[in-house]
């Protein structure tokens, strides 16, 4: 019987199958998770001088090798071979102390694999070697985190003339703040969140105050009870699930970075209780 993955240290899960731990699939020394990836770089010759000029390094695919032994259960072997079919994208979850916060995941596709028909196979212990290819080389936390982007300075001025004491520039009943404007992100690499805004909103703008020029401006209105979803990783903008090409020409896709991020929300309606919900996974490379 295949046991379920519970995040126990030194175990993995692929296609719903528990690898390692108390299961019937023994995991031997996986490689490629705690390792550097292939790196692409632009190099040019230094004319008349020794050495080269290095360009920006870009990580390539991550290659992971799993060496396993399936014990005493032909049904488990059949299930594993079904998981190893070509062309199917899988999520490899893993729990390794000190890696990706102790509980991570990576999206993979099965490459080469082999199960030798040797004496060990006839004894009921099947050795299986698998190559997994991660087109996205980053390791992500298995847990998903959430946060909110809030307005920087609430809109809406109060009438103060004629002056009556005490007076305030804020409308009556307004709160000084909606939520913590700082979004703290773990990991060691940038990560691309999903942003959800709920109407009513008019031409909402998400701005990164820490980096000049990083701004996403959506040129459309979001009616009440409708949702605008911006997937910064997939580079999509959807209103109620329908694709909308609505970003302004000065918009720039930008990620959350490890540490403190100060993002702010603004829109033409200027409602003081408006927020943008964020979902992300911390990333490592």
Protein backbone atom coordinates (compact mmCIF):
# COMPACT_ATOMS: atom_id res chain seq x y z
CA UNK A 1 0.00 0.00 0.00
CA UNK A 2 1.38 3.41 -0.96
CA UNK A 3 1.69 5.74 1.99
CA UNK A 4 0.98 9.46 1.77
CA UNK A 5 3.56 12.20 2.03
CA UNK A 6 3.57 14.02 5.38
CA UNK A 7 6.66 16.20 5.08
CA UNK A 8 8.83 13.90 7.21
CA UNK A 9 12.51 14.80 6.95
CA UNK A 10 14.47 13.04 4.21
CA UNK A 11 11.39 12.08 2.20
CA UNK A 12 9.99 13.16 -1.16
CA UNK A 13 6.77 12.89 -3.13
CA UNK A 14 6.35 12.51 -6.87
CA UNK A 15 2.97 12.01 -8.49
CA UNK A 16 1.36 11.12 -5.17
CA UNK A 17 3.95 8.46 -4.33
CA UNK A 18 5.97 8.65 -1.12
CA UNK A 19 9.70 8.27 -1.72
CA UNK A 20 11.71 7.32 1.35
CA UNK A 21 10.56 7.15 4.95
CA UNK A 22 8.35 4.21 5.92
CA UNK A 23 7.08 3.62 2.41
CA UNK A 24 7.97 0.73 0.13
CA UNK A 25 10.04 2.96 -2.17
CA UNK A 26 13.53 3.40 -0.71
CA UNK A 27 15.26 6.62 -1.76
CA UNK A 28 19.03 6.57 -2.24
CA UNK A 29 21.08 9.78 -2.33
CA UNK A 30 19.16 12.07 -4.71
CA UNK A 31 21.35 14.57 -6.54
CA UNK A 32 20.69 17.91 -8.19
CA UNK A 33 18.52 19.52 -5.52
CA UNK A 34 21.31 20.95 -3.41
CA UNK A 35 23.45 21.80 -6.41
CA UNK A 36 24.10 24.62 -8.85
CA UNK A 37 22.31 24.59 -12.20
CA UNK A 38 23.63 24.94 -15.72
CA UNK A 39 24.58 28.56 -16.31
CA UNK A 40 24.29 30.57 -19.50
CA UNK A 41 26.55 33.56 -19.85
CA UNK A 42 27.65 35.94 -22.59
CA UNK A 43 31.41 36.08 -22.98
CA UNK A 44 33.34 38.27 -25.34
CA UNK A 45 37.03 38.35 -26.15
CA UNK A 46 39.10 41.25 -24.83
CA UNK A 47 40.87 42.58 -27.91
CA UNK A 48 44.61 42.62 -27.42
CA UNK A 49 44.33 41.73 -23.73
CA UNK A 50 44.19 38.42 -21.88
CA UNK A 51 40.94 37.04 -20.54
CA UNK A 52 37.31 37.62 -21.50
CA UNK A 53 34.51 40.00 -20.59
CA UNK A 54 31.73 38.20 -18.71
CA UNK A 55 28.09 39.11 -19.22
CA UNK A 56 25.14 38.41 -16.95
CA UNK A 57 24.83 34.82 -15.73
CA UNK A 58 21.41 33.22 -16.32
CA UNK A 59 20.57 29.90 -14.64
CA UNK A 60 19.54 27.10 -16.98
CA UNK A 61 17.49 23.99 -16.25
CA UNK A 62 17.93 22.04 -13.03
CA UNK A 63 18.69 18.33 -13.51
CA UNK A 64 17.71 16.02 -10.64
CA UNK A 65 18.61 12.34 -10.41
CA UNK A 66 16.71 9.94 -8.15
CA UNK A 67 18.00 6.50 -7.33
CA UNK A 68 15.33 4.29 -5.76
CA UNK A 69 14.54 0.70 -4.81
CA UNK A 70 10.96 -0.59 -4.87
CA UNK A 71 10.46 -3.36 -2.32
CA UNK A 72 8.13 -6.37 -2.33
CA UNK A 73 5.16 -4.80 -4.06
CA UNK A 74 4.51 -5.22 -7.81
CA UNK A 75 1.55 -2.83 -7.58
CA UNK A 76 3.81 -0.07 -6.22
CA UNK A 77 6.23 -0.63 -9.11
CA UNK A 78 3.35 -0.33 -11.58
CA UNK A 79 2.24 2.91 -9.95
CA UNK A 80 5.78 4.31 -10.07
CA UNK A 81 6.15 3.41 -13.76
CA UNK A 82 2.84 5.18 -14.45
CA UNK A 83 4.21 8.30 -12.76
CA UNK A 84 7.34 8.12 -14.93
CA UNK A 85 5.48 8.43 -18.23
CA UNK A 86 6.99 10.98 -20.59
CA UNK A 87 5.52 14.41 -21.24
CA UNK A 88 3.72 14.84 -17.92
CA UNK A 89 4.66 17.77 -15.72
CA UNK A 90 4.91 16.82 -12.05
CA UNK A 91 5.59 18.56 -8.77
CA UNK A 92 8.44 17.02 -6.79
CA UNK A 93 7.96 17.84 -3.10
CA UNK A 94 10.81 17.26 -0.71
CA UNK A 95 11.73 17.68 2.93
CA UNK A 96 15.46 18.13 3.41
CA UNK A 97 16.72 20.00 6.50
CA UNK A 98 18.30 23.30 5.51
CA UNK A 99 17.03 23.26 1.90
CA UNK A 100 14.14 25.53 0.80
CA UNK A 101 13.16 26.18 4.38
CA UNK A 102 13.06 22.46 5.17
CA UNK A 103 10.00 21.79 2.97
CA UNK A 104 10.19 22.63 -0.72
CA UNK A 105 8.96 21.83 -4.19
CA UNK A 106 10.05 22.06 -7.80
CA UNK A 107 8.13 21.46 -11.04
CA UNK A 108 9.75 18.68 -13.09
CA UNK A 109 9.33 16.60 -16.21
CA UNK A 110 10.57 13.03 -16.46
CA UNK A 111 13.61 12.55 -18.68
CA UNK A 112 15.52 9.29 -18.94
CA UNK A 113 14.80 6.44 -16.58
CA UNK A 114 15.77 2.78 -16.25
CA UNK A 115 14.90 -0.28 -14.14
CA UNK A 116 17.52 -3.01 -14.78
CA UNK A 117 16.14 -6.57 -15.02
CA UNK A 118 18.86 -8.10 -12.87
CA UNK A 119 19.15 -10.54 -9.98
CA UNK A 120 17.93 -7.93 -7.53
CA UNK A 121 14.76 -7.55 -9.61
CA UNK A 122 14.05 -11.30 -9.45
CA UNK A 123 14.51 -11.17 -5.66
CA UNK A 124 11.70 -8.62 -5.35
CA UNK A 125 13.73 -5.43 -4.99
CA UNK A 126 13.60 -3.30 -8.16
CA UNK A 127 16.22 -0.61 -8.67
CA UNK A 128 14.97 2.45 -10.55
CA UNK A 129 17.09 5.36 -11.80
CA UNK A 130 15.24 8.51 -12.88
CA UNK A 131 16.32 11.80 -14.45
CA UNK A 132 14.03 14.77 -13.75
CA UNK A 133 14.28 18.07 -15.64
CA UNK A 134 13.12 21.30 -13.99
CA UNK A 135 12.70 24.01 -16.65
CA UNK A 136 12.30 26.51 -13.79
CA UNK A 137 15.52 25.95 -11.79
CA UNK A 138 14.31 27.68 -8.62
CA UNK A 139 13.36 25.72 -5.51
CA UNK A 140 10.16 26.98 -3.90
CA UNK A 141 8.77 26.67 -0.40
CA UNK A 142 6.08 24.03 -0.16
CA UNK A 143 4.00 26.50 1.85
CA UNK A 144 2.30 29.41 0.10
CA UNK A 145 2.45 32.82 1.78
CA UNK A 146 -0.04 35.66 1.63
CA UNK A 147 0.13 39.41 2.20
CA UNK A 148 -1.58 42.64 1.26
CA UNK A 149 -0.63 45.76 -0.68
CA UNK A 150 -2.26 48.86 0.80
CA UNK A 151 -2.52 52.54 -0.13
CA UNK A 152 0.42 54.77 0.79
CA UNK A 153 -1.47 57.96 1.57
CA UNK A 154 -5.27 57.63 1.71
CA UNK A 155 -7.16 59.82 -0.73
CA UNK A 156 -10.16 61.91 0.23
CA UNK A 157 -9.87 65.34 1.83
CA UNK A 158 -12.28 66.67 4.41
CA UNK A 159 -13.81 70.12 4.25
CA UNK A 160 -12.07 72.36 6.81
CA UNK A 161 -13.45 75.81 5.95
CA UNK A 162 -14.86 77.37 7.97
CA UNK A 163 -12.41 76.06 10.54
CA UNK A 164 -13.87 74.20 13.51
CA UNK A 165 -11.60 72.81 16.18
CA UNK A 166 -10.47 70.12 16.40
CA UNK A 167 -10.14 69.55 12.64
CA UNK A 168 -8.55 66.89 10.49
CA UNK A 169 -7.63 66.52 6.83
CA UNK A 170 -9.03 62.96 6.88
CA UNK A 171 -12.65 62.09 6.41
CA UNK A 172 -14.62 61.22 9.53
CA UNK A 173 -14.28 57.59 10.59
CA UNK A 174 -11.24 56.89 8.40
CA UNK A 175 -8.50 54.64 9.74
CA UNK A 176 -4.89 55.79 9.84
CA UNK A 177 -3.69 52.58 8.23
CA UNK A 178 -5.20 49.48 6.70
CA UNK A 179 -2.35 46.98 7.04
CA UNK A 180 1.40 46.73 7.34
CA UNK A 181 2.79 48.26 4.09
CA UNK A 182 5.99 46.18 4.30
CA UNK A 183 5.84 42.68 2.77
CA UNK A 184 8.58 40.43 4.14
CA UNK A 185 9.73 37.60 1.87
CA UNK A 186 12.00 34.69 2.75
CA UNK A 187 14.32 32.69 0.53
CA UNK A 188 17.42 33.77 -1.37
CA UNK A 189 15.97 34.61 -4.80
CA UNK A 190 13.25 36.78 -6.27
CA UNK A 191 9.78 35.30 -6.61
CA UNK A 192 6.79 36.26 -8.76
CA UNK A 193 3.50 36.63 -6.91
CA UNK A 194 -0.13 36.47 -7.96
CA UNK A 195 -1.98 39.74 -7.25
CA UNK A 196 -5.76 39.79 -6.74
CA UNK A 197 -7.75 43.03 -6.67
CA UNK A 198 -11.48 43.18 -6.02
CA UNK A 199 -13.74 45.97 -7.24
CA UNK A 200 -14.83 48.60 -7.28
CA UNK A 201 -11.55 50.00 -8.56
CA UNK A 202 -10.59 52.34 -11.38
CA UNK A 203 -7.19 52.11 -13.14
CA UNK A 204 -5.39 50.42 -10.22
CA UNK A 205 -1.61 50.84 -9.92
CA UNK A 206 0.86 48.66 -7.99
CA UNK A 207 4.13 50.49 -7.34
CA UNK A 208 7.42 49.31 -5.83
CA UNK A 209 8.63 52.30 -3.82
CA UNK A 210 12.06 50.73 -3.32
CA UNK A 211 12.96 50.63 -7.03
CA UNK A 212 12.21 53.66 -9.22
CA UNK A 213 10.23 52.84 -12.33
CA UNK A 214 8.80 49.52 -11.15
CA UNK A 215 5.08 49.97 -11.64
CA UNK A 216 2.10 47.99 -12.94
CA UNK A 217 -0.74 50.19 -14.16
CA UNK A 218 -3.95 48.46 -15.29
CA UNK A 219 -6.02 50.65 -17.58
CA UNK A 220 -9.51 49.39 -16.86
CA UNK A 221 -12.26 49.61 -14.27
CA UNK A 222 -13.05 46.71 -11.95
CA UNK A 223 -16.76 46.70 -11.08
CA UNK A 224 -17.98 45.81 -7.61
CA UNK A 225 -17.87 42.09 -6.73
CA UNK A 226 -15.53 41.34 -9.65
CA UNK A 227 -11.90 40.21 -9.40
CA UNK A 228 -8.81 41.29 -11.32
CA UNK A 229 -5.98 38.74 -11.14
CA UNK A 230 -2.43 39.66 -12.18
CA UNK A 231 -0.04 36.71 -12.41
CA UNK A 232 3.40 38.29 -12.52
CA UNK A 233 5.10 34.97 -13.22
CA UNK A 234 2.86 34.00 -16.13
CA UNK A 235 2.64 37.67 -17.27
CA UNK A 236 -1.16 37.58 -17.46
CA UNK A 237 -3.96 39.97 -16.52
CA UNK A 238 -7.43 38.46 -16.12
CA UNK A 239 -10.77 39.98 -15.18
CA UNK A 240 -13.13 37.28 -13.88
CA UNK A 241 -10.99 34.64 -15.61
CA UNK A 242 -10.95 36.35 -19.03
CA UNK A 243 -7.64 37.59 -20.43
CA UNK A 244 -7.38 41.35 -20.70
CA UNK A 245 -4.50 43.19 -22.35
CA UNK A 246 -4.75 46.27 -20.20
CA UNK A 247 -1.32 47.29 -18.94
CA UNK A 248 -0.07 50.81 -19.68
CA UNK A 249 3.00 51.35 -21.86
CA UNK A 250 5.07 52.42 -18.83
CA UNK A 251 4.27 49.23 -16.87
CA UNK A 252 7.14 46.93 -15.86
CA UNK A 253 6.85 43.38 -14.56
CA UNK A 254 8.72 43.15 -11.26
CA UNK A 255 9.11 40.47 -8.56
CA UNK A 256 9.09 40.27 -4.80
CA UNK A 257 12.65 40.17 -3.51
CA UNK A 258 14.04 38.50 -0.37
CA UNK A 259 13.65 40.71 2.69
CA UNK A 260 11.41 43.75 3.05
CA UNK A 261 9.38 44.93 0.04
CA UNK A 262 7.43 48.17 0.09
CA UNK A 263 4.66 47.93 -2.47
CA UNK A 264 1.81 50.39 -2.64
CA UNK A 265 -1.64 50.43 -4.24
CA UNK A 266 -3.40 53.40 -5.78
CA UNK A 267 -6.44 53.87 -7.99
CA UNK A 268 -8.55 56.75 -9.27
CA UNK A 269 -11.46 56.00 -6.94
CA UNK A 270 -9.21 56.26 -3.89
CA UNK A 271 -11.22 54.08 -1.53
CA UNK A 272 -9.45 53.95 1.82
CA UNK A 273 -10.24 50.33 2.58
CA UNK A 274 -9.03 48.94 -0.74
CA UNK A 275 -6.24 46.34 -0.74
CA UNK A 276 -4.51 44.00 -3.17
CA UNK A 277 -4.04 40.41 -2.00
CA UNK A 278 -0.72 38.69 -2.75
CA UNK A 279 0.14 34.99 -2.94
CA UNK A 280 3.70 33.76 -3.34
CA UNK A 281 6.21 31.04 -2.49
CA UNK A 282 9.68 31.89 -1.24
CA UNK A 283 12.38 30.89 -3.74
CA UNK A 284 15.95 29.61 -3.64
CA UNK A 285 18.51 28.97 -6.39
